[in-house]
Amino acid sequence: MDKTLAINGGTPVRSVKLPGPYPGASVYGKEEADAVTEVVMRKSPFRYYGVDVAGKVRDFEKMFRERHGRKYALACSSGTAALILGLIAVGVQPGDKVIVPANSFYATAGAVTVVGAVPVFCDINHSMNIDPETLDKMIDPLVKAVVVVPILGNPCQMDQIVAVCKKHGVHLIEDAAQSCGSKFHGQFSGTFGDVGTFSLQLNKIISSGEGGILMMDSDDYFERAARFHDQGSFREKALLPEIKDKPNQYLIGQNYRMSEVAGAIACEQLKKIDFIIGRMREIKKSIKDAVQPVLESYGVEFRTIIDEDGDAGSTVMMYMPTAEKAMAFHDALRAENIFCSHLYDRKPIYAAPSLLGQISAYENRFPFNQLTGENKVEYHMGMCPVAEDLLSRNVMIPLAPAFTDQDTEDIITGVLKVAKEILA
C-alpha cells in the first residue's frame, strides 16, 4: 500500500468511492418495487380513497405501533411534519418555550417556530445528545415541552430525562428521526415520551424517500394530530370509533398526509429494519475494534454510546484533538475515497443565521416577538460551550448495511493510514 496520503499525491486506498451511506435505501429490492407496483396498478396512490385502495399507509401504521407497543401511530409526509404534529398534539401554543438540544438538524427548532413557540437551546454531553443535568436547570414556567433527539442511532439517557420532565410537569417529545430501532435499556427510542416522532427521509435507517410517523398513547393527542394532518378532518374512526364530532374538537389543519406509494415502501423497509441495524452494528464493531486503540493513542475520543446494546450502529463518531486536526483528518480521509463528514458542518443548530438572528417569514419576527422584557429569548455563540467544542472537533463515518467486508476493511485501512500522517 502506498503510504503517501492521496491528498498529497499518493494512491488512494480505494479506486472508487464507498457506496452512499443510506441505510434503508441501500437495501431496496424487489420487495419495495413490487409494493409500489401494486399501488400503481390499483390506481390508488391516495390513502383515504381511490379506485382500489390497498391500505399500505394503514398497514405501515399498524406494523409500527405493534412493533413499538404504543396505542397509536400516524404516518405523515415527513419527519418535520411528524414533529410539528407532535407539538400540536400536546398543545404547544404561541408564547410557549420549547427546549431543544443545541445539536440537532435544523428542523427540530424550525418545527417549534412553525407552531408559534420559541426554541430554547440546551447543551449536550459527550454522547452528542441533550445533557439531562443541564436540562434540569433550564426549565422555567414558560417551558411547555422538551424535545430530545437521539443523534445518529445513539439513544438518549431517557431515565434521567423522563424524571426531569415529570419533576417539572412538562411534555416530553422524542425526535427520533435518525434513530428508528435504537433502544435504551431494552425499550425503543420514541416510546418514553408523550409523543415519539421518526423520519423516513433518504438518510434514515428506514426510508421511503420522504415520510414520517409519530406515536402516542393518548386518545386526545392522536385525535388532534390526525385532524391537523388531514385539513382538520378525522378519518380514523376505525381506531377511535367513539369519536363524535363536536364543535370543540374542530380545528383548522394542514395537509401532512402520507401517500400510498410512500406507505408501500415503508412497509417493506420496516420488515428489514432488524437486518439493517444488525448489519450496521457488525460493521461498526469491526471498525472500532481495529482503529479505536490506535486513534485514542493519538488523543482521539470516540463518542460516548449511552447503551451499546441499544445503539443502532449507523455512525462511527470521533472527536479529534483540535478543530484543525478534524478538518485535516476529514479532508485526507475523503481523498482516500472513504466517505466521512462533519456533523452539521461542525456548528450547533443556533449558529444558522436565521436562528441566530431570529429571522422568520414574518415582518414582526413572529414567534420571537411573543416573548418580551425579562422573558425575551436571545441567542449567541458561546451559549452552549460543550456543543460548540464537540461539534468543532467531530468527524463521522456513516455506515450502511450494504457495505461489504472489503468496504469495511478499506475504511479501517484508510482511517489508520490517515491517522498515522495527520495525528502522529
Protein backbone atom coordinates (compact mmCIF):
# COMPACT_ATOMS: atom_id res chain seq x y z
CA MET A 1 0.00 0.00 0.00
CA ASP A 2 1.20 3.49 -0.88
CA LYS A 3 1.83 5.20 2.48
CA THR A 4 1.72 8.66 0.93
CA LEU A 5 -1.64 10.27 1.57
CA ALA A 6 -3.80 10.64 -1.52
CA ILE A 7 -4.32 14.28 -0.64
CA ASN A 8 -0.54 14.67 -1.04
CA GLY A 9 -0.39 12.83 -4.36
CA GLY A 10 -0.34 9.20 -3.22
CA THR A 11 -2.56 6.35 -4.37
CA PRO A 12 -5.91 6.31 -2.54
CA VAL A 13 -6.94 3.27 -0.51
CA ARG A 14 -9.94 2.82 -2.80
CA SER A 15 -10.12 3.41 -6.54
CA VAL A 16 -13.83 4.23 -6.26
CA LYS A 17 -15.82 5.93 -3.55
CA LEU A 18 -17.76 3.96 -0.97
CA PRO A 19 -21.47 3.39 -1.67
CA GLY A 20 -23.70 6.14 -0.36
CA PRO A 21 -24.39 5.90 3.38
CA TYR A 22 -28.14 5.44 3.01
CA PRO A 23 -29.08 2.58 5.38
CA GLY A 24 -32.64 1.81 4.34
CA ALA A 25 -32.38 2.77 0.68
CA SER A 26 -29.20 0.72 0.26
CA VAL A 27 -31.24 -2.48 0.72
CA TYR A 28 -34.09 -1.57 -1.63
CA GLY A 29 -35.03 -4.53 -3.76
CA LYS A 30 -37.82 -6.41 -5.46
CA GLU A 31 -39.98 -6.19 -2.34
CA GLU A 32 -40.19 -2.39 -2.47
CA ALA A 33 -40.61 -2.42 -6.27
CA ASP A 34 -43.48 -4.93 -6.13
CA ALA A 35 -45.21 -3.00 -3.35
CA VAL A 36 -45.08 0.24 -5.34
CA THR A 37 -46.23 -1.53 -8.49
CA GLU A 38 -49.27 -2.85 -6.64
CA VAL A 39 -50.28 0.68 -5.66
CA VAL A 40 -49.80 1.93 -9.22
CA MET A 41 -51.76 -0.94 -10.76
CA ARG A 42 -54.59 -0.35 -8.32
CA LYS A 43 -54.62 3.29 -9.49
CA SER A 44 -54.99 4.44 -5.90
CA PRO A 45 -52.00 6.41 -4.56
CA PHE A 46 -54.11 8.41 -2.07
CA ARG A 47 -54.52 6.78 1.30
CA TYR A 48 -58.18 7.57 2.03
CA TYR A 49 -59.97 6.83 -1.26
CA GLY A 50 -59.42 5.73 -4.87
CA VAL A 51 -60.26 3.04 -7.40
CA ASP A 52 -58.93 0.19 -5.25
CA VAL A 53 -57.06 1.40 -2.16
CA ALA A 54 -54.51 -1.14 -0.92
CA GLY A 55 -54.27 0.35 2.57
CA LYS A 56 -50.46 0.49 2.58
CA VAL A 57 -50.23 3.51 4.88
CA ARG A 58 -52.65 1.94 7.33
CA ASP A 59 -50.65 -1.32 7.22
CA PHE A 60 -47.46 0.59 7.96
CA GLU A 61 -49.06 2.37 10.92
CA LYS A 62 -50.31 -0.93 12.33
CA MET A 63 -46.92 -2.62 11.93
CA PHE A 64 -45.15 0.35 13.50
CA ARG A 65 -47.36 0.69 16.57
CA GLU A 66 -47.36 -3.06 17.19
CA ARG A 67 -43.57 -3.23 16.93
CA HIS A 68 -43.15 -0.38 19.40
CA GLY A 69 -46.00 -1.23 21.75
CA ARG A 70 -47.83 2.10 21.55
CA LYS A 71 -51.55 2.60 21.11
CA TYR A 72 -51.44 4.90 18.07
CA ALA A 73 -49.19 5.57 15.10
CA LEU A 74 -49.88 8.22 12.47
CA ALA A 75 -47.88 8.25 9.23
CA CYS A 76 -47.28 11.62 7.58
CA SER A 77 -45.38 13.39 4.84
CA SER A 78 -42.02 13.95 6.58
CA GLY A 79 -40.16 13.75 9.86
CA THR A 80 -40.58 17.52 10.18
CA ALA A 81 -44.34 17.13 9.77
CA ALA A 82 -44.31 14.43 12.45
CA LEU A 83 -42.57 16.78 14.87
CA ILE A 84 -45.00 19.63 14.11
CA LEU A 85 -47.91 17.26 14.67
CA GLY A 86 -46.41 16.10 17.95
CA LEU A 87 -46.11 19.68 19.20
CA ILE A 88 -49.68 20.40 18.10
CA ALA A 89 -50.89 17.21 19.76
CA VAL A 90 -49.61 18.12 23.23
CA GLY A 91 -50.94 21.66 22.93
CA VAL A 92 -47.84 23.82 22.46
CA GLN A 93 -49.02 27.41 21.88
CA PRO A 94 -47.61 30.77 20.75
CA GLY A 95 -45.65 32.29 23.60
CA ASP A 96 -44.56 28.94 24.99
CA LYS A 97 -40.93 27.93 25.21
CA VAL A 98 -39.78 24.53 23.99
CA ILE A 99 -36.35 23.26 24.98
CA VAL A 100 -34.39 21.54 22.20
CA PRO A 101 -30.80 20.25 22.10
CA ALA A 102 -28.07 22.51 20.73
CA ASN A 103 -27.05 19.63 18.47
CA SER A 104 -29.75 18.59 16.02
CA PHE A 105 -30.94 19.06 12.47
CA TYR A 106 -32.46 22.46 11.75
CA ALA A 107 -35.98 21.02 11.60
CA THR A 108 -36.08 20.37 15.36
CA ALA A 109 -36.03 24.08 16.13
CA GLY A 110 -37.87 25.02 12.95
CA ALA A 111 -40.88 22.89 13.87
CA VAL A 112 -41.11 24.70 17.20
CA THR A 113 -41.31 28.08 15.45
CA VAL A 114 -43.93 26.78 13.00
CA VAL A 115 -46.37 26.19 15.88
CA GLY A 116 -45.63 29.67 17.25
CA ALA A 117 -43.39 28.70 20.16
CA VAL A 118 -39.81 29.78 20.83
CA PRO A 119 -36.98 27.23 20.90
CA VAL A 120 -34.54 27.37 23.81
CA PHE A 121 -31.26 25.54 23.32
CA CYS A 122 -29.85 23.11 25.87
CA ASP A 123 -26.24 21.99 25.87
CA ILE A 124 -25.21 18.40 25.18
CA ASN A 125 -22.78 15.91 26.68
CA HIS A 126 -20.16 13.58 25.23
CA SER A 127 -22.89 11.39 23.70
CA MET A 128 -23.84 14.26 21.34
CA ASN A 129 -27.30 14.16 22.96
CA ILE A 130 -29.00 16.58 25.33
CA ASP A 131 -27.45 16.72 28.81
CA PRO A 132 -30.06 15.81 31.47
CA GLU A 133 -28.33 17.78 34.25
CA THR A 134 -28.24 20.96 32.18
CA LEU A 135 -31.84 20.39 31.10
CA ASP A 136 -32.99 20.20 34.72
CA LYS A 137 -31.62 23.70 35.39
CA MET A 138 -33.22 25.28 32.31
CA ILE A 139 -36.90 24.61 32.80
CA ASP A 140 -38.91 27.68 33.84
CA PRO A 141 -42.67 28.34 33.99
CA LEU A 142 -42.86 29.26 30.29
CA VAL A 143 -41.45 25.92 29.12
CA LYS A 144 -44.30 23.79 27.77
CA ALA A 145 -42.32 20.91 26.31
CA VAL A 146 -38.89 19.37 25.88
CA VAL A 147 -37.77 17.80 22.61
CA VAL A 148 -34.92 15.30 22.88
CA VAL A 149 -33.04 13.93 19.88
CA PRO A 150 -31.12 10.64 19.94
CA ILE A 151 -28.47 11.62 17.41
CA LEU A 152 -27.45 9.14 14.71
CA GLY A 153 -28.65 5.95 16.39
CA ASN A 154 -27.35 6.74 19.89
CA PRO A 155 -30.19 6.61 22.46
CA CYS A 156 -30.60 9.40 24.98
CA GLN A 157 -30.38 8.97 28.77
CA MET A 158 -34.12 8.51 28.93
CA ASP A 159 -34.41 7.51 32.59
CA GLN A 160 -32.94 10.83 33.69
CA ILE A 161 -34.77 12.85 31.04
CA VAL A 162 -38.16 11.35 31.89
CA ALA A 163 -37.53 12.10 35.58
CA VAL A 164 -36.66 15.73 34.81
CA CYS A 165 -39.80 16.26 32.71
CA LYS A 166 -42.03 14.66 35.35
CA LYS A 167 -40.39 16.76 38.06
CA HIS A 168 -41.24 19.97 36.22
CA GLY A 169 -44.55 18.86 34.70
CA VAL A 170 -43.60 19.47 31.07
CA HIS A 171 -44.37 17.43 27.98
CA LEU A 172 -41.68 15.19 26.51
CA ILE A 173 -41.36 14.67 22.77
CA GLU A 174 -38.74 12.32 21.32
CA ASP A 175 -37.50 13.41 17.90
CA ALA A 176 -36.05 10.02 16.97
CA ALA A 177 -35.79 10.93 13.28
CA GLN A 178 -32.30 9.43 12.92
CA SER A 179 -32.65 6.56 15.37
CA CYS A 180 -35.55 4.30 14.47
CA GLY A 181 -34.84 0.94 16.09
CA SER A 182 -32.45 2.18 18.75
CA LYS A 183 -33.18 1.27 22.37
CA PHE A 184 -32.43 2.48 25.87
CA HIS A 185 -32.31 -0.39 28.38
CA GLY A 186 -34.34 -2.60 26.05
CA GLN A 187 -37.06 -0.03 25.29
CA PHE A 188 -37.35 1.56 21.87
CA SER A 189 -36.47 5.21 21.38
CA GLY A 190 -39.68 7.10 20.72
CA THR A 191 -41.72 5.22 23.33
CA PHE A 192 -40.72 7.09 26.51
CA GLY A 193 -42.37 10.46 25.94
CA ASP A 194 -45.84 11.79 25.33
CA VAL A 195 -45.06 11.59 21.62
CA GLY A 196 -42.30 9.93 19.60
CA THR A 197 -41.52 11.05 16.05
CA PHE A 198 -39.49 9.50 13.22
CA SER A 199 -38.28 10.37 9.73
CA LEU A 200 -38.20 8.18 6.63
CA GLN A 201 -36.08 10.55 4.53
CA LEU A 202 -33.29 9.15 2.36
CA ASN A 203 -30.52 9.27 5.00
CA LYS A 204 -32.57 7.48 7.63
CA ILE A 205 -32.36 3.92 8.96
CA ILE A 206 -35.51 3.02 7.02
CA SER A 207 -36.53 5.22 4.14
CA SER A 208 -39.45 5.88 1.81
CA GLY A 209 -37.58 8.81 0.25
CA GLU A 210 -39.68 11.25 2.25
CA GLY A 211 -42.06 10.45 5.05
CA GLY A 212 -42.54 10.44 8.78
CA ILE A 213 -44.51 8.80 11.55
CA LEU A 214 -45.42 9.67 15.13
CA MET A 215 -46.65 7.57 18.04
CA MET A 216 -48.55 8.23 21.22
CA ASP A 217 -50.88 6.54 23.71
CA SER A 218 -53.30 9.41 24.39
CA ASP A 219 -56.64 9.40 22.57
CA ASP A 220 -56.75 13.20 22.67
CA TYR A 221 -53.23 13.62 21.30
CA PHE A 222 -53.95 11.18 18.49
CA GLU A 223 -57.16 12.91 17.51
CA ARG A 224 -55.53 16.36 17.47
CA ALA A 225 -52.62 15.10 15.37
CA ALA A 226 -54.85 13.16 12.98
CA ARG A 227 -57.14 16.14 12.47
CA PHE A 228 -54.30 18.60 11.95
CA HIS A 229 -52.54 16.35 9.42
CA ASP A 230 -55.75 15.99 7.34
CA GLN A 231 -57.02 19.57 6.97
CA GLY A 232 -58.95 19.34 10.23
CA SER A 233 -61.00 16.27 9.30
CA PHE A 234 -60.96 12.99 11.19
CA ARG A 235 -60.96 9.84 9.08
CA GLU A 236 -59.55 7.49 11.71
CA LYS A 237 -62.79 6.38 13.32
CA ALA A 238 -61.83 2.75 12.91
CA LEU A 239 -59.24 3.39 15.62
CA LEU A 240 -61.39 5.76 17.66
CA PRO A 241 -64.98 4.67 16.95
CA GLU A 242 -66.30 6.52 19.99
CA ILE A 243 -65.38 9.89 18.46
CA LYS A 244 -68.42 12.08 17.98
CA ASP A 245 -67.96 15.32 16.06
CA LYS A 246 -68.38 18.21 18.45
CA PRO A 247 -67.60 21.88 17.87
CA ASN A 248 -64.80 21.91 20.47
CA GLN A 249 -62.99 19.16 18.56
CA TYR A 250 -62.78 21.06 15.30
CA LEU A 251 -59.56 22.76 14.24
CA ILE A 252 -58.01 24.15 11.08
CA GLY A 253 -55.33 21.81 9.87
CA GLN A 254 -52.78 21.30 7.13
CA ASN A 255 -52.01 18.57 4.60
CA TYR A 256 -49.33 16.32 6.10
CA ARG A 257 -50.74 13.04 4.78
CA MET A 258 -48.52 10.16 3.61
CA SER A 259 -49.15 8.74 0.14
CA GLU A 260 -49.81 5.07 -0.52
CA VAL A 261 -46.59 4.90 -2.56
CA ALA A 262 -44.54 6.00 0.46
CA GLY A 263 -46.56 3.70 2.69
CA ALA A 264 -45.88 0.72 0.43
CA ILE A 265 -42.12 1.29 0.58
CA ALA A 266 -42.24 1.94 4.32
CA CYS A 267 -43.95 -1.41 4.97
CA GLU A 268 -41.19 -3.32 3.20
CA GLN A 269 -38.46 -1.27 4.85
CA LEU A 270 -39.84 -1.94 8.32
CA LYS A 271 -39.65 -5.66 7.62
CA LYS A 272 -35.90 -5.23 7.02
CA ILE A 273 -35.05 -3.00 9.99
CA ASP A 274 -33.62 -5.73 12.21
CA PHE A 275 -31.28 -6.83 9.43
CA ILE A 276 -30.28 -3.22 8.71
CA ILE A 277 -29.42 -2.46 12.32
CA GLY A 278 -27.79 -5.81 12.96
CA ARG A 279 -25.50 -5.47 9.97
CA MET A 280 -24.54 -1.88 10.81
CA ARG A 281 -23.66 -2.91 14.35
CA GLU A 282 -21.38 -5.65 12.99
CA ILE A 283 -19.63 -3.19 10.68
CA LYS A 284 -19.27 -0.58 13.40
CA LYS A 285 -17.81 -3.07 15.87
CA SER A 286 -15.25 -4.28 13.33
CA ILE A 287 -14.14 -0.73 12.59
CA LYS A 288 -13.95 0.40 16.21
CA ASP A 289 -12.17 -2.74 17.37
CA ALA A 290 -9.48 -2.14 14.76
CA VAL A 291 -8.99 1.62 14.95
CA GLN A 292 -10.03 2.78 18.43
CA PRO A 293 -6.86 1.77 20.33
CA VAL A 294 -4.63 3.42 17.72
CA LEU A 295 -6.65 6.62 17.43
CA GLU A 296 -7.01 7.02 21.19
CA SER A 297 -3.20 6.86 21.47
CA TYR A 298 -3.20 9.98 19.27
CA GLY A 299 -5.69 11.79 21.53
CA VAL A 300 -8.84 10.99 19.56
CA GLU A 301 -12.03 10.42 21.58
CA PHE A 302 -14.95 8.29 20.47
CA ARG A 303 -18.46 9.46 21.19
CA THR A 304 -19.97 8.01 24.37
CA ILE A 305 -22.63 5.44 23.48
CA ILE A 306 -25.35 5.54 26.12
CA ASP A 307 -26.44 1.92 25.63
CA GLU A 308 -24.16 -0.25 23.49
CA ASP A 309 -26.84 -2.94 23.15
CA GLY A 310 -29.36 -0.33 22.00
CA ASP A 311 -27.14 1.62 19.61
CA ALA A 312 -28.43 1.44 16.04
CA GLY A 313 -24.86 1.37 14.74
CA SER A 314 -25.35 3.87 11.93
CA THR A 315 -22.26 6.01 12.51
CA VAL A 316 -18.72 5.96 13.84
CA MET A 317 -18.32 9.36 15.55
CA MET A 318 -14.93 10.68 16.63
CA TYR A 319 -13.64 13.86 18.27
CA MET A 320 -10.22 14.92 17.06
CA PRO A 321 -7.80 16.67 19.46
CA THR A 322 -8.40 20.06 17.77
CA ALA A 323 -10.72 21.61 15.23
CA GLU A 324 -7.79 21.98 12.84
CA LYS A 325 -6.96 18.27 13.13
CA ALA A 326 -10.63 17.44 12.49
CA MET A 327 -10.62 19.36 9.21
CA ALA A 328 -7.30 17.87 8.12
CA PHE A 329 -8.37 14.30 9.01
CA HIS A 330 -11.68 14.76 7.20
CA ASP A 331 -10.10 16.09 4.01
CA ALA A 332 -7.41 13.42 3.95
CA LEU A 333 -9.82 10.54 4.55
CA ARG A 334 -12.14 11.69 1.79
CA ALA A 335 -9.18 11.87 -0.57
CA GLU A 336 -8.70 8.15 0.12
CA ASN A 337 -12.26 7.66 -1.23
CA ILE A 338 -13.50 6.86 2.29
CA PHE A 339 -16.63 8.91 2.80
CA CYS A 340 -16.78 10.90 6.03
CA SER A 341 -18.28 14.21 7.04
CA HIS A 342 -18.58 16.77 9.81
CA LEU A 343 -21.92 16.57 11.61
CA TYR A 344 -23.89 19.76 10.91
CA ASP A 345 -20.85 21.48 9.41
CA ARG A 346 -19.24 21.47 12.90
CA LYS A 347 -21.75 24.01 14.28
CA PRO A 348 -24.63 23.96 16.77
CA ILE A 349 -28.13 24.40 15.42
CA TYR A 350 -28.43 28.00 16.65
CA ALA A 351 -25.44 29.03 14.52
CA ALA A 352 -27.72 29.02 11.47
CA PRO A 353 -28.11 32.71 10.51
CA SER A 354 -31.91 32.55 10.50
CA LEU A 355 -31.98 31.22 14.07
CA LEU A 356 -29.10 33.27 15.43
CA GLY A 357 -30.75 36.40 14.05
CA GLN A 358 -34.29 35.18 14.81
CA ILE A 359 -35.31 35.83 11.21
CA SER A 360 -38.74 34.38 10.46
CA ALA A 361 -41.07 34.67 7.48
CA TYR A 362 -42.95 37.46 9.24
CA GLU A 363 -42.01 41.14 9.39
CA ASN A 364 -42.93 41.27 13.07
CA ARG A 365 -40.47 38.37 13.75
CA PHE A 366 -43.20 36.01 14.96
CA PRO A 367 -42.89 33.86 17.05
CA PHE A 368 -39.88 35.51 18.72
CA ASN A 369 -41.92 38.69 19.32
CA GLN A 370 -44.20 36.70 21.65
CA LEU A 371 -41.63 36.88 24.47
CA THR A 372 -40.55 40.33 25.58
CA GLY A 373 -38.97 42.01 28.60
CA GLU A 374 -37.49 39.62 31.13
CA ASN A 375 -38.94 36.68 29.18
CA LYS A 376 -37.22 37.61 25.92
CA VAL A 377 -35.11 34.80 24.44
CA GLU A 378 -31.88 35.71 22.68
CA TYR A 379 -29.24 33.52 21.08
CA HIS A 380 -25.48 33.99 20.83
CA MET A 381 -22.44 31.92 20.06
CA GLY A 382 -20.89 30.54 23.22
CA MET A 383 -24.17 29.80 24.97
CA CYS A 384 -23.73 26.01 24.68
CA PRO A 385 -19.96 25.56 25.04
CA VAL A 386 -19.88 21.75 25.12
CA ALA A 387 -21.83 21.51 21.88
CA GLU A 388 -19.63 24.10 20.20
CA ASP A 389 -16.45 22.32 21.29
CA LEU A 390 -17.50 18.77 20.37
CA LEU A 391 -19.02 19.77 17.05
CA SER A 392 -15.92 21.75 16.08
CA ARG A 393 -13.80 18.60 16.54
CA ASN A 394 -16.13 15.94 15.13
CA VAL A 395 -15.51 13.60 12.21
CA MET A 396 -18.10 10.94 11.45
CA ILE A 397 -18.17 7.91 9.17
CA PRO A 398 -21.75 7.00 8.23
CA LEU A 399 -22.40 3.28 7.71
CA ALA A 400 -24.84 1.25 5.64
CA PRO A 401 -25.83 -2.43 5.70
CA ALA A 402 -24.86 -2.73 2.03
CA PHE A 403 -21.18 -2.25 2.89
CA THR A 404 -19.20 -5.40 2.08
CA ASP A 405 -16.45 -6.89 4.21
CA GLN A 406 -13.99 -5.33 1.76
CA ASP A 407 -15.63 -1.93 2.24
CA THR A 408 -15.19 -2.33 5.99
CA GLU A 409 -11.54 -3.30 5.59
CA ASP A 410 -10.97 -0.31 3.34
CA ILE A 411 -12.44 2.02 5.98
CA ILE A 412 -10.11 0.56 8.60
CA THR A 413 -7.09 0.82 6.30
CA GLY A 414 -7.93 4.39 5.33
CA VAL A 415 -8.50 5.57 8.89
CA LEU A 416 -5.22 4.08 10.12
CA LYS A 417 -3.29 5.43 7.13
CA VAL A 418 -4.61 8.95 7.64
CA ALA A 419 -4.21 8.84 11.42
CA LYS A 420 -0.53 7.98 11.18
CA GLU A 421 0.20 11.00 9.00
CA ILE A 422 -2.27 13.57 10.33
CA LEU A 423 -2.40 12.79 14.04
CA ALA A 424 1.02 11.39 14.92
